[in-house]
Amino acid sequence: MSATSNSRVGTALKDAGLAAVVAIALFSVLVGLKTKTAQGGLQIEGQWMLVLWLVIGTFIGRFLMGMFIWQGENVLADAAKSITPNQATLSKIGSFIGPALLVFAITLPFMPYGDRYIIDLGILVLTYIMLGWGLNIVVGLAGLLDLGYVAFYAVGAYSYALLAHYFDLSFWVCLPLAGILAAFWGIILGFPVLRLRGDYLAIVTLAFGEIIRVVLLNWYEFTGGPDGISRIPRPSFFGLEFKRRDGFADFFGLDYSSLHKVIFLFYLILILALITNFITMRLRRLPIGRAWEALREDEIACRSLGINTTNTKLTAFSLGAMFGGFAGAFFATRQGFISPESFTFIESAIILAIVVLGGLGSQLGVVIASIVMIGGFEVFRDLEELRMLVFGLLMVVIMIWKPRGLVSSREPSVYLKEKKAVSADLVAEGEG
């Protein structure tokens, strides 16, 4: 064995040992001590065998990472590049995967396995897909790191709930109003961050999200505070309510089923998500979409080209916030109850993780990441408190394997279809 290999193994073992020590300190408290209810109060029991296996897993995982990642060489990333299809192949694959997923979504409620649980899970996944597409405008296309996107989600939800509560307006009237109000707050957020970049921008957006949550929590007379707002009305199907008598089922001559309302909500969020995707794809091919991409690549070069970066940032924030507001209004009508606890920072983190894991700027990547992340919570539900740990480890593996996301290609909005050749005469004239 060469000296380089020995050094590599030694360094990997050293890093793995340090990781194991840190794991012992963390897991001994977080996992090793568990409380359970017993006579006379709570009792503490130890789970030291589980801690041992976690520490062993940490040691092995860190050792393998040290062997694969050496002096800037990411073997997993290099292997991923070698087996990942090129951009043309990815485009062809995406042209098949997208329609296939759409057909699957349309037919899901009528499949043999399309029970209430599966449809509810589909609604949840589609909601996060719509939120991911909205945030993708800000982060993926414009390159503006937003850690407070849940604020616009909350604004949309509370706008619909309060308008329906105080003014007795229907869902179809409140839906566009919720989007407009969320876009308005997006512009308000956009102005203070026009001169900020990177970490400073992330901190301000994070603070904005927390400000909205704290206002909703403390303005008890208006928002209900921690008690939230209940009895939020559900949308109707062209005026037909989903009730047992004289409702949707009687009008179409069907037997009443509570599943009708769930299926209607599923198709409603599917249509809203498709509208979000359609508008985003159209905007990417317009000058504003090209300005977003130019801003993402290099803001200084973007200004030098004469692009108004102020308007570019504001449009990105407002449009992304608008789609978040639409999703929030749907969330309120689906749940029938909302409270500030539904709009914590973890929601912003999940949506941002969906965008990053899927691939910045990739619409299909957001869909795949939403299915993997939101569906992954359900796959690992039986692991109880270890679910988040396993899920976090899988996210780490994905980011090591595909550092730029599952669909990492950045397809430009505009291609030069013809390359105009410069003749020798024109070159000679230029030299002269």
Protein backbone atom coordinates (compact mmCIF):
# COMPACT_ATOMS: atom_id res chain seq x y z
CA MET A 1 0.00 0.00 0.00
CA SER A 2 1.39 3.41 -1.01
CA ALA A 3 2.07 6.30 1.35
CA THR A 4 -0.78 8.28 -0.20
CA SER A 5 -3.22 5.44 0.44
CA ASN A 6 -1.99 5.07 4.02
CA SER A 7 -2.41 8.79 4.58
CA ARG A 8 -5.87 8.66 3.06
CA VAL A 9 -6.98 5.78 5.31
CA GLY A 10 -5.45 7.40 8.38
CA THR A 11 -7.18 10.72 7.75
CA ALA A 12 -10.48 8.96 7.12
CA LEU A 13 -10.17 6.97 10.36
CA LYS A 14 -9.32 10.12 12.31
CA ASP A 15 -12.35 11.98 10.93
CA ALA A 16 -14.57 8.95 11.58
CA GLY A 17 -13.35 8.76 15.20
CA LEU A 18 -14.10 12.43 15.79
CA ALA A 19 -17.54 12.00 14.22
CA ALA A 20 -18.19 9.02 16.51
CA VAL A 21 -17.26 11.08 19.58
CA VAL A 22 -19.64 13.85 18.54
CA ALA A 23 -22.33 11.24 17.84
CA ILE A 24 -21.94 9.78 21.33
CA ALA A 25 -22.37 13.24 22.90
CA LEU A 26 -25.46 14.01 20.81
CA PHE A 27 -27.23 10.67 20.68
CA SER A 28 -26.72 9.95 24.38
CA VAL A 29 -29.01 12.88 25.17
CA LEU A 30 -31.31 12.95 22.16
CA VAL A 31 -31.88 9.22 21.72
CA GLY A 32 -30.41 7.42 24.73
CA LEU A 33 -32.72 9.02 27.29
CA LYS A 34 -36.43 8.53 26.68
CA THR A 35 -39.32 9.44 28.97
CA LYS A 36 -42.41 7.30 29.39
CA THR A 37 -45.57 7.73 31.40
CA ALA A 38 -45.82 5.55 34.48
CA GLN A 39 -47.54 5.55 37.83
CA GLY A 40 -46.44 8.53 39.86
CA GLY A 41 -45.25 10.55 36.88
CA LEU A 42 -42.65 10.28 34.15
CA GLN A 43 -39.82 7.79 34.15
CA ILE A 44 -36.58 7.87 32.18
CA GLU A 45 -35.44 4.73 30.42
CA GLY A 46 -32.26 4.20 28.44
CA GLN A 47 -31.92 3.11 24.81
CA TRP A 48 -28.18 2.53 24.85
CA MET A 49 -28.15 -0.31 22.32
CA LEU A 50 -29.82 2.00 19.79
CA VAL A 51 -27.21 4.68 20.61
CA LEU A 52 -24.46 2.13 19.99
CA TRP A 53 -25.78 1.23 16.56
CA LEU A 54 -26.17 4.90 15.66
CA VAL A 55 -22.58 5.64 16.69
CA ILE A 56 -21.33 2.64 14.68
CA GLY A 57 -23.32 3.82 11.68
CA THR A 58 -21.90 7.33 12.06
CA PHE A 59 -18.35 5.98 12.23
CA ILE A 60 -18.77 3.81 9.14
CA GLY A 61 -20.55 6.53 7.19
CA ARG A 62 -17.94 9.17 7.97
CA PHE A 63 -15.14 6.74 7.12
CA LEU A 64 -16.69 5.99 3.73
CA MET A 65 -17.16 9.70 3.08
CA GLY A 66 -13.51 10.27 3.93
CA MET A 67 -12.48 7.57 1.47
CA PHE A 68 -14.73 8.85 -1.31
CA ILE A 69 -14.02 12.55 -0.77
CA TRP A 70 -10.27 13.16 -0.70
CA GLN A 71 -8.43 16.46 -1.18
CA GLY A 72 -11.28 18.04 -3.12
CA GLU A 73 -12.03 14.91 -5.14
CA ASN A 74 -15.65 13.85 -4.83
CA VAL A 75 -15.69 10.29 -6.14
CA LEU A 76 -19.44 10.00 -5.81
CA ALA A 77 -20.00 13.26 -7.68
CA ASP A 78 -17.55 12.20 -10.40
CA ALA A 79 -19.30 8.86 -10.70
CA ALA A 80 -22.64 10.63 -10.91
CA LYS A 81 -21.33 12.80 -13.73
CA SER A 82 -20.12 9.75 -15.62
CA ILE A 83 -23.45 7.91 -15.39
CA THR A 84 -25.73 10.97 -15.66
CA PRO A 85 -27.09 11.54 -19.17
CA ASN A 86 -26.13 14.72 -21.00
CA GLN A 87 -28.46 17.69 -21.30
CA ALA A 88 -30.04 16.57 -24.57
CA THR A 89 -30.79 13.14 -23.15
CA LEU A 90 -32.19 14.67 -19.96
CA SER A 91 -34.51 16.85 -22.03
CA LYS A 92 -35.79 13.79 -23.90
CA ILE A 93 -36.27 11.84 -20.67
CA GLY A 94 -38.07 14.81 -19.09
CA SER A 95 -40.42 15.04 -22.07
CA PHE A 96 -41.63 11.53 -21.19
CA ILE A 97 -41.52 11.71 -17.39
CA GLY A 98 -43.54 14.93 -17.20
CA PRO A 99 -46.58 13.69 -19.17
CA ALA A 100 -46.38 10.31 -17.42
CA LEU A 101 -46.55 11.98 -13.99
CA LEU A 102 -49.43 14.16 -15.18
CA VAL A 103 -51.42 11.14 -16.40
CA PHE A 104 -50.71 9.35 -13.13
CA ALA A 105 -51.96 12.38 -11.13
CA ILE A 106 -55.15 12.69 -13.20
CA THR A 107 -56.03 9.01 -12.83
CA LEU A 108 -54.91 8.62 -9.19
CA PRO A 109 -58.36 9.03 -7.54
CA PHE A 110 -59.83 6.30 -9.76
CA MET A 111 -57.07 3.75 -9.29
CA PRO A 112 -57.77 0.61 -7.20
CA TYR A 113 -55.40 1.94 -4.52
CA GLY A 114 -56.89 5.47 -4.67
CA ASP A 115 -58.39 5.43 -1.18
CA ARG A 116 -58.85 8.43 1.13
CA TYR A 117 -55.33 8.18 2.55
CA ILE A 118 -53.63 8.10 -0.87
CA ILE A 119 -55.70 11.01 -2.18
CA ASP A 120 -54.95 13.09 0.93
CA LEU A 121 -51.25 12.33 0.49
CA GLY A 122 -51.53 13.36 -3.17
CA ILE A 123 -53.10 16.67 -2.13
CA LEU A 124 -50.24 17.28 0.29
CA VAL A 125 -47.61 16.47 -2.34
CA LEU A 126 -49.28 18.73 -4.93
CA THR A 127 -49.43 21.57 -2.41
CA TYR A 128 -45.69 21.36 -1.85
CA ILE A 129 -45.10 21.08 -5.60
CA MET A 130 -46.97 24.34 -6.08
CA LEU A 131 -45.02 25.98 -3.25
CA GLY A 132 -41.76 24.65 -4.69
CA TRP A 133 -42.57 26.07 -8.12
CA GLY A 134 -43.39 29.43 -6.55
CA LEU A 135 -40.13 29.54 -4.59
CA ASN A 136 -38.24 28.30 -7.65
CA ILE A 137 -38.94 31.67 -9.29
CA VAL A 138 -37.16 33.48 -6.47
CA VAL A 139 -34.35 31.03 -5.71
CA GLY A 140 -33.94 28.93 -8.84
CA LEU A 141 -34.48 31.54 -11.57
CA ALA A 142 -33.59 34.87 -9.94
CA GLY A 143 -30.95 33.46 -7.56
CA LEU A 144 -32.33 35.22 -4.46
CA LEU A 145 -32.07 33.07 -1.33
CA ASP A 146 -35.41 33.31 0.51
CA LEU A 147 -35.70 31.66 3.94
CA GLY A 148 -39.05 33.25 4.78
CA TYR A 149 -41.24 31.96 1.98
CA VAL A 150 -43.69 30.50 4.48
CA ALA A 151 -44.73 34.10 5.28
CA PHE A 152 -46.49 34.41 1.92
CA TYR A 153 -48.04 30.98 2.46
CA ALA A 154 -49.42 32.30 5.76
CA VAL A 155 -50.60 35.59 4.21
CA GLY A 156 -52.60 33.67 1.58
CA ALA A 157 -54.13 31.34 4.16
CA TYR A 158 -55.11 34.09 6.59
CA SER A 159 -56.33 36.36 3.79
CA TYR A 160 -58.84 33.76 2.67
CA ALA A 161 -59.84 32.79 6.21
CA LEU A 162 -60.36 36.41 7.35
CA LEU A 163 -62.17 37.52 4.19
CA ALA A 164 -64.49 34.52 4.41
CA HIS A 165 -65.00 35.08 8.15
CA TYR A 166 -65.63 38.84 8.20
CA PHE A 167 -67.13 39.45 4.73
CA ASP A 168 -68.66 36.04 3.97
CA LEU A 169 -66.95 35.83 0.57
CA SER A 170 -66.70 32.59 -1.37
CA PHE A 171 -63.48 30.74 -2.07
CA TRP A 172 -63.47 31.71 -5.75
CA VAL A 173 -63.64 35.40 -4.86
CA CYS A 174 -61.04 35.15 -2.10
CA LEU A 175 -58.54 33.07 -4.09
CA PRO A 176 -57.35 35.88 -6.41
CA LEU A 177 -57.50 38.37 -3.53
CA ALA A 178 -55.25 36.12 -1.43
CA GLY A 179 -52.74 35.95 -4.29
CA ILE A 180 -52.82 39.74 -4.77
CA LEU A 181 -52.30 40.41 -1.05
CA ALA A 182 -49.41 37.93 -0.90
CA ALA A 183 -47.84 39.59 -3.97
CA PHE A 184 -48.23 42.97 -2.25
CA TRP A 185 -46.32 41.67 0.78
CA GLY A 186 -43.73 40.23 -1.59
CA ILE A 187 -43.13 43.73 -2.95
CA ILE A 188 -42.90 45.09 0.60
CA LEU A 189 -40.23 42.51 1.36
CA GLY A 190 -38.47 43.21 -1.92
CA PHE A 191 -37.74 46.87 -1.23
CA PRO A 192 -35.57 46.42 1.91
CA VAL A 193 -33.48 43.68 0.29
CA LEU A 194 -32.72 45.34 -3.04
CA ARG A 195 -29.09 46.00 -2.06
CA LEU A 196 -28.56 42.75 -0.16
CA ARG A 197 -27.05 39.51 -1.39
CA GLY A 198 -26.22 36.06 -0.13
CA ASP A 199 -26.25 35.52 3.63
CA TYR A 200 -27.57 39.01 4.39
CA LEU A 201 -30.52 38.50 2.08
CA ALA A 202 -31.26 35.12 3.72
CA ILE A 203 -31.19 36.67 7.21
CA VAL A 204 -33.63 39.45 6.25
CA THR A 205 -36.08 37.06 4.59
CA LEU A 206 -35.85 34.73 7.61
CA ALA A 207 -36.64 37.68 9.90
CA PHE A 208 -39.59 38.67 7.70
CA GLY A 209 -41.07 35.19 7.98
CA GLU A 210 -40.74 35.26 11.76
CA ILE A 211 -42.28 38.76 11.96
CA ILE A 212 -45.38 37.57 10.10
CA ARG A 213 -45.71 34.53 12.38
CA VAL A 214 -45.30 36.60 15.56
CA VAL A 215 -47.88 39.16 14.36
CA LEU A 216 -50.37 36.38 13.63
CA LEU A 217 -49.64 34.88 17.04
CA ASN A 218 -50.09 38.09 19.06
CA TRP A 219 -52.82 40.00 17.20
CA TYR A 220 -55.52 38.05 19.01
CA GLU A 221 -58.47 40.35 18.25
CA PHE A 222 -57.95 40.06 14.50
CA THR A 223 -56.31 36.70 13.78
CA GLY A 224 -57.41 34.67 16.79
CA GLY A 225 -53.83 34.41 18.01
CA PRO A 226 -52.74 30.90 19.03
CA ASP A 227 -56.37 29.73 18.87
CA GLY A 228 -56.34 30.25 15.10
CA ILE A 229 -59.38 30.46 12.84
CA SER A 230 -61.81 27.56 12.56
CA ARG A 231 -64.86 26.72 10.45
CA ILE A 232 -63.28 28.02 7.29
CA PRO A 233 -65.77 27.40 4.43
CA ARG A 234 -64.98 24.86 1.74
CA PRO A 235 -65.15 25.66 -2.00
CA SER A 236 -68.19 24.65 -4.01
CA PHE A 237 -68.41 23.06 -7.44
CA PHE A 238 -70.10 25.82 -9.47
CA GLY A 239 -72.39 26.54 -6.53
CA LEU A 240 -72.99 22.88 -5.61
CA GLU A 241 -72.06 22.07 -2.03
CA PHE A 242 -70.75 18.65 -1.06
CA LYS A 243 -73.53 17.83 1.39
CA ARG A 244 -75.81 14.86 1.86
CA ARG A 245 -79.02 16.45 0.55
CA ASP A 246 -79.51 18.74 -2.45
CA GLY A 247 -75.81 18.83 -3.15
CA PHE A 248 -73.26 17.59 -5.64
CA ALA A 249 -74.28 13.93 -5.43
CA ASP A 250 -78.03 14.59 -5.88
CA PHE A 251 -77.45 16.94 -8.81
CA PHE A 252 -75.48 14.30 -10.75
CA GLY A 253 -77.57 11.35 -9.52
CA LEU A 254 -74.74 9.78 -7.48
CA ASP A 255 -74.74 8.07 -4.12
CA TYR A 256 -73.46 10.44 -1.47
CA SER A 257 -69.85 9.89 -0.46
CA SER A 258 -67.51 12.03 1.59
CA LEU A 259 -64.81 11.07 -0.93
CA HIS A 260 -66.37 13.39 -3.54
CA LYS A 261 -65.18 16.47 -1.65
CA VAL A 262 -61.66 15.05 -1.28
CA ILE A 263 -61.44 14.21 -4.99
CA PHE A 264 -62.64 17.71 -5.86
CA LEU A 265 -59.94 19.25 -3.64
CA PHE A 266 -57.35 16.98 -5.28
CA TYR A 267 -58.22 18.18 -8.77
CA LEU A 268 -58.44 21.77 -7.56
CA ILE A 269 -54.85 21.82 -6.27
CA LEU A 270 -53.75 19.90 -9.38
CA ILE A 271 -55.21 22.63 -11.61
CA LEU A 272 -53.66 25.39 -9.48
CA ALA A 273 -50.26 23.68 -9.65
CA LEU A 274 -50.52 23.25 -13.44
CA ILE A 275 -51.43 26.93 -13.82
CA THR A 276 -48.37 27.83 -11.73
CA ASN A 277 -46.15 25.69 -13.94
CA PHE A 278 -47.66 27.06 -17.16
CA ILE A 279 -47.22 30.71 -16.13
CA THR A 280 -43.67 30.08 -14.90
CA MET A 281 -42.63 28.35 -18.13
CA ARG A 282 -44.15 31.16 -20.20
CA LEU A 283 -42.42 33.83 -18.12
CA ARG A 284 -39.06 32.11 -18.54
CA ARG A 285 -39.27 32.69 -22.30
CA LEU A 286 -40.18 36.35 -21.91
CA PRO A 287 -37.65 39.17 -21.34
CA ILE A 288 -38.43 39.16 -17.61
CA GLY A 289 -37.50 35.49 -17.40
CA ARG A 290 -34.20 36.09 -19.16
CA ALA A 291 -33.57 39.01 -16.80
CA TRP A 292 -34.10 36.67 -13.82
CA GLU A 293 -31.55 34.23 -15.20
CA ALA A 294 -29.08 37.03 -15.92
CA LEU A 295 -29.52 38.29 -12.36
CA ARG A 296 -28.90 34.80 -11.04
CA GLU A 297 -25.67 34.34 -12.97
CA ASP A 298 -24.08 37.76 -12.36
CA GLU A 299 -25.82 40.82 -10.95
CA ILE A 300 -23.01 43.21 -11.94
CA ALA A 301 -23.03 41.99 -15.53
CA CYS A 302 -26.83 42.20 -15.46
CA ARG A 303 -26.64 45.89 -14.54
CA SER A 304 -24.00 46.56 -17.15
CA LEU A 305 -26.41 45.27 -19.80
CA GLY A 306 -28.91 47.94 -18.81
CA ILE A 307 -31.33 45.62 -17.01
CA ASN A 308 -33.26 47.26 -14.20
CA THR A 309 -32.32 44.97 -11.31
CA THR A 310 -34.78 46.70 -8.97
CA ASN A 311 -37.78 45.77 -11.09
CA THR A 312 -36.32 42.34 -11.77
CA LYS A 313 -36.01 41.51 -8.07
CA LEU A 314 -39.42 42.94 -7.21
CA THR A 315 -41.17 40.95 -9.94
CA ALA A 316 -39.47 37.76 -8.76
CA PHE A 317 -40.50 38.31 -5.14
CA SER A 318 -44.06 39.36 -6.01
CA LEU A 319 -44.80 36.55 -8.46
CA GLY A 320 -43.27 33.92 -6.20
CA ALA A 321 -45.27 35.30 -3.28
CA MET A 322 -48.47 35.31 -5.34
CA PHE A 323 -48.26 31.57 -6.01
CA GLY A 324 -47.47 31.02 -2.33
CA GLY A 325 -50.62 32.99 -1.49
CA PHE A 326 -52.71 30.81 -3.81
CA ALA A 327 -51.34 27.69 -2.14
CA GLY A 328 -52.03 29.19 1.29
CA ALA A 329 -55.67 29.91 0.40
CA PHE A 330 -56.07 26.31 -0.73
CA PHE A 331 -54.41 25.06 2.47
CA ALA A 332 -56.89 27.05 4.57
CA THR A 333 -59.95 25.76 2.74
CA ARG A 334 -58.68 22.18 2.79
CA GLN A 335 -57.87 22.15 6.49
CA GLY A 336 -60.86 24.17 7.64
CA PHE A 337 -58.65 25.46 10.47
CA ILE A 338 -55.41 27.41 10.54
CA SER A 339 -53.14 28.72 13.29
CA PRO A 340 -49.65 30.28 13.43
CA GLU A 341 -48.22 26.86 14.31
CA SER A 342 -48.83 25.77 10.71
CA PHE A 343 -46.41 28.41 9.38
CA THR A 344 -43.14 27.91 11.22
CA PHE A 345 -39.62 28.14 9.84
CA ILE A 346 -39.48 24.38 9.26
CA GLU A 347 -42.03 24.83 6.46
CA SER A 348 -39.74 27.32 4.70
CA ALA A 349 -36.84 24.91 5.18
CA ILE A 350 -38.79 22.02 3.64
CA ILE A 351 -39.84 24.09 0.62
CA LEU A 352 -36.30 25.37 0.11
CA ALA A 353 -34.95 21.82 0.45
CA ILE A 354 -37.37 20.69 -2.26
CA VAL A 355 -36.09 23.37 -4.63
CA VAL A 356 -32.40 22.69 -3.87
CA LEU A 357 -32.65 18.90 -3.94
CA GLY A 358 -34.69 18.97 -7.13
CA GLY A 359 -32.22 21.28 -8.87
CA LEU A 360 -32.27 25.06 -8.97
CA GLY A 361 -34.42 26.26 -11.85
CA SER A 362 -35.77 22.80 -12.71
CA GLN A 363 -39.55 22.40 -12.75
CA LEU A 364 -39.39 18.62 -13.09
CA GLY A 365 -36.80 18.44 -10.32
CA VAL A 366 -39.23 20.15 -7.91
CA VAL A 367 -41.86 17.51 -8.70
CA ILE A 368 -39.47 14.62 -8.12
CA ALA A 369 -38.06 16.15 -4.92
CA SER A 370 -41.58 16.80 -3.56
CA ILE A 371 -42.57 13.20 -4.17
CA VAL A 372 -39.37 11.91 -2.57
CA MET A 373 -39.43 14.24 0.43
CA ILE A 374 -43.14 14.39 1.29
CA GLY A 375 -43.71 10.76 0.34
CA GLY A 376 -40.56 9.83 2.22
CA PHE A 377 -42.08 11.05 5.48
CA GLU A 378 -44.84 8.49 4.99
CA VAL A 379 -42.50 5.65 4.00
CA PHE A 380 -40.51 6.08 7.21
CA ARG A 381 -43.53 6.74 9.44
CA ASP A 382 -43.06 3.42 11.25
CA LEU A 383 -39.63 4.57 12.48
CA GLU A 384 -41.37 7.13 14.72
CA GLU A 385 -38.78 9.49 16.29
CA LEU A 386 -35.99 8.13 14.09
CA ARG A 387 -37.83 9.13 10.95
CA MET A 388 -36.24 12.58 10.74
CA LEU A 389 -32.79 11.11 11.38
CA VAL A 390 -33.08 8.58 8.54
CA PHE A 391 -34.59 11.19 6.29
CA GLY A 392 -31.75 13.62 7.03
CA LEU A 393 -29.16 10.96 6.26
CA LEU A 394 -30.81 10.29 2.90
CA MET A 395 -30.72 14.01 2.10
CA VAL A 396 -27.01 14.10 2.93
CA VAL A 397 -26.40 11.14 0.59
CA ILE A 398 -28.34 12.82 -2.22
CA MET A 399 -26.40 16.07 -1.88
CA ILE A 400 -23.07 14.20 -1.88
CA TRP A 401 -24.09 12.12 -4.88
CA LYS A 402 -25.76 15.01 -6.78
CA PRO A 403 -24.45 18.30 -5.34
CA ARG A 404 -26.48 20.43 -7.77
CA GLY A 405 -29.75 18.56 -7.28
CA LEU A 406 -31.50 15.58 -8.82
CA VAL A 407 -32.08 17.43 -12.10
CA SER A 408 -29.01 19.65 -12.14
CA SER A 409 -28.95 20.88 -15.74
CA ARG A 410 -29.76 24.56 -16.24
CA GLU A 411 -31.49 24.71 -19.57
CA PRO A 412 -31.33 28.24 -21.03
CA SER A 413 -34.58 29.91 -22.01
CA VAL A 414 -33.36 31.02 -25.42
CA TYR A 415 -31.11 29.22 -27.89
CA LEU A 416 -29.27 30.69 -30.85
CA LYS A 417 -30.71 28.58 -33.65
CA GLU A 418 -28.24 29.89 -36.26
CA LYS A 419 -24.63 30.82 -35.83
CA LYS A 420 -23.85 33.62 -38.25
CA ALA A 421 -20.39 33.30 -39.73
CA VAL A 422 -18.29 36.43 -40.06
CA SER A 423 -16.70 36.71 -43.45
CA ALA A 424 -12.98 37.35 -43.98
CA ASP A 425 -13.75 40.68 -45.66
CA LEU A 426 -15.58 41.99 -42.59
CA VAL A 427 -12.74 40.86 -40.36
CA ALA A 428 -10.26 42.66 -42.58
CA GLU A 429 -12.38 45.80 -42.49
CA GLY A 430 -12.51 45.62 -38.70
CA GLU A 431 -8.75 45.27 -38.49
CA GLY A 432 -8.31 48.16 -40.80
